[in-house]
Structures are given as C-alpha cells and as structure tokens.
Protein backbone atom coordinates (compact mmCIF):
# COMPACT_ATOMS: atom_id res chain seq x y z
CA PRO A 1 0.00 0.00 0.00
CA LEU A 2 1.08 3.52 -0.82
CA THR A 3 2.09 5.58 2.19
CA LEU A 4 3.41 9.10 2.45
CA SER A 5 4.92 10.44 5.65
CA ALA A 6 3.06 13.09 7.64
CA ARG A 7 5.56 15.71 6.42
CA GLU A 8 5.19 14.59 2.80
CA LEU A 9 1.42 14.97 3.13
CA GLN A 10 1.89 18.48 4.57
CA VAL A 11 4.16 19.42 1.67
CA LEU A 12 1.71 17.95 -0.85
CA ASP A 13 -1.15 19.93 0.71
CA TRP A 14 0.79 23.14 0.10
CA VAL A 15 1.78 22.05 -3.41
CA ARG A 16 -1.95 21.64 -4.08
CA GLU A 17 -2.40 25.25 -2.96
CA GLY A 18 0.14 26.37 -5.58
CA LYS A 19 2.92 27.29 -3.17
CA THR A 20 6.57 27.33 -4.29
CA ASN A 21 9.30 25.36 -2.54
CA HIS A 22 10.47 28.58 -0.92
CA GLU A 23 6.97 29.44 0.33
CA ILE A 24 6.39 25.91 1.64
CA GLY A 25 9.75 26.06 3.40
CA GLN A 26 8.77 29.30 5.13
CA ILE A 27 5.37 27.93 6.16
CA LEU A 28 6.80 24.67 7.54
CA ASP A 29 10.03 26.26 8.85
CA ILE A 30 12.28 24.03 6.72
CA SER A 31 14.69 24.88 3.91
CA PRO A 32 13.54 25.03 0.28
CA LEU A 33 16.05 22.23 -0.44
CA THR A 34 14.35 20.03 2.16
CA VAL A 35 11.02 20.79 0.49
CA LYS A 36 12.53 19.82 -2.87
CA ASN A 37 13.74 16.53 -1.38
CA HIS A 38 10.28 15.80 0.03
CA ILE A 39 8.72 16.53 -3.36
CA GLN A 40 11.19 14.24 -5.14
CA LYS A 41 10.28 11.42 -2.73
CA ILE A 42 6.56 12.12 -3.27
CA LEU A 43 6.98 11.98 -7.07
CA ARG A 44 8.82 8.65 -6.82
CA LYS A 45 6.31 7.13 -4.39
CA LEU A 46 3.35 8.20 -6.54
CA ASN A 47 5.17 7.27 -9.77
CA VAL A 48 4.44 10.61 -11.42
CA SER A 49 6.54 13.20 -13.27
CA ASN A 50 5.48 16.54 -11.85
CA ARG A 51 3.75 18.39 -9.02
CA ALA A 52 0.37 18.61 -10.77
CA GLN A 53 0.32 14.87 -11.42
CA ALA A 54 1.32 14.23 -7.80
CA VAL A 55 -1.61 16.29 -6.51
CA ALA A 56 -4.05 14.66 -8.93
CA SER A 57 -2.83 11.17 -8.02
CA ALA A 58 -2.96 11.87 -4.28
CA VAL A 59 -6.48 13.30 -4.48
CA ALA A 60 -7.67 10.40 -6.66
CA SER A 61 -6.26 7.85 -4.21
CA GLY A 62 -7.64 9.66 -1.18
CA LEU A 63 -4.26 10.57 0.33
CA ILE A 64 -5.25 14.25 0.41
CA SER A 65 -8.54 16.00 -0.08
CA GLY A 66 -9.35 18.10 -3.09
CA SER A 67 -10.18 21.07 -0.85
CA GLU A 68 -8.40 23.27 1.69
CA PRO A 69 -5.84 21.67 4.01
CA SER A 70 -7.45 20.55 7.26
CA ALA A 71 -4.64 21.70 9.55
CA ARG A 72 -2.19 24.36 8.45
CA ALA A 73 1.07 24.97 10.23
CA SER A 74 1.93 28.63 10.76
C-alpha cells in the first residue's frame, strides 16, 4: 500500500495550494532544499513526473482531499 509520511502529506497539501518550494519552506520552517527533497520522494512514491500529477494522483487515491488543508502549520 502507498504511504506518504506526515511531512510529505503536509508538503503535498501546500503544493496543491500552488505554493513554491520557498513558500512551503517558510510555512513549515524548513529549507527550500528540504522541500525539494520531500517533493522528489513524493513523485517517486506516486510514480508521477510533476507536481500537478502528484496532486491529482494523491487526491484520486484519497491521500489528500481536493479542498483546503485541514490543519495548516503557521
């Protein structure tokens, strides 16, 4: 079964919202490079090529909702 870590799900929620790696890093208080690494792992786990496909795949499989994130970190 496909599993993403809690942090990967947080990152993917913000990708769905159209945030850049830099913006996600600021929101989650991690570096943009760490965000990039999370996204690369997400793409591999979901077997997709880009951020849009990752979001579509995650929504379709029920990993994330198609609406606003349920709990946002400040």
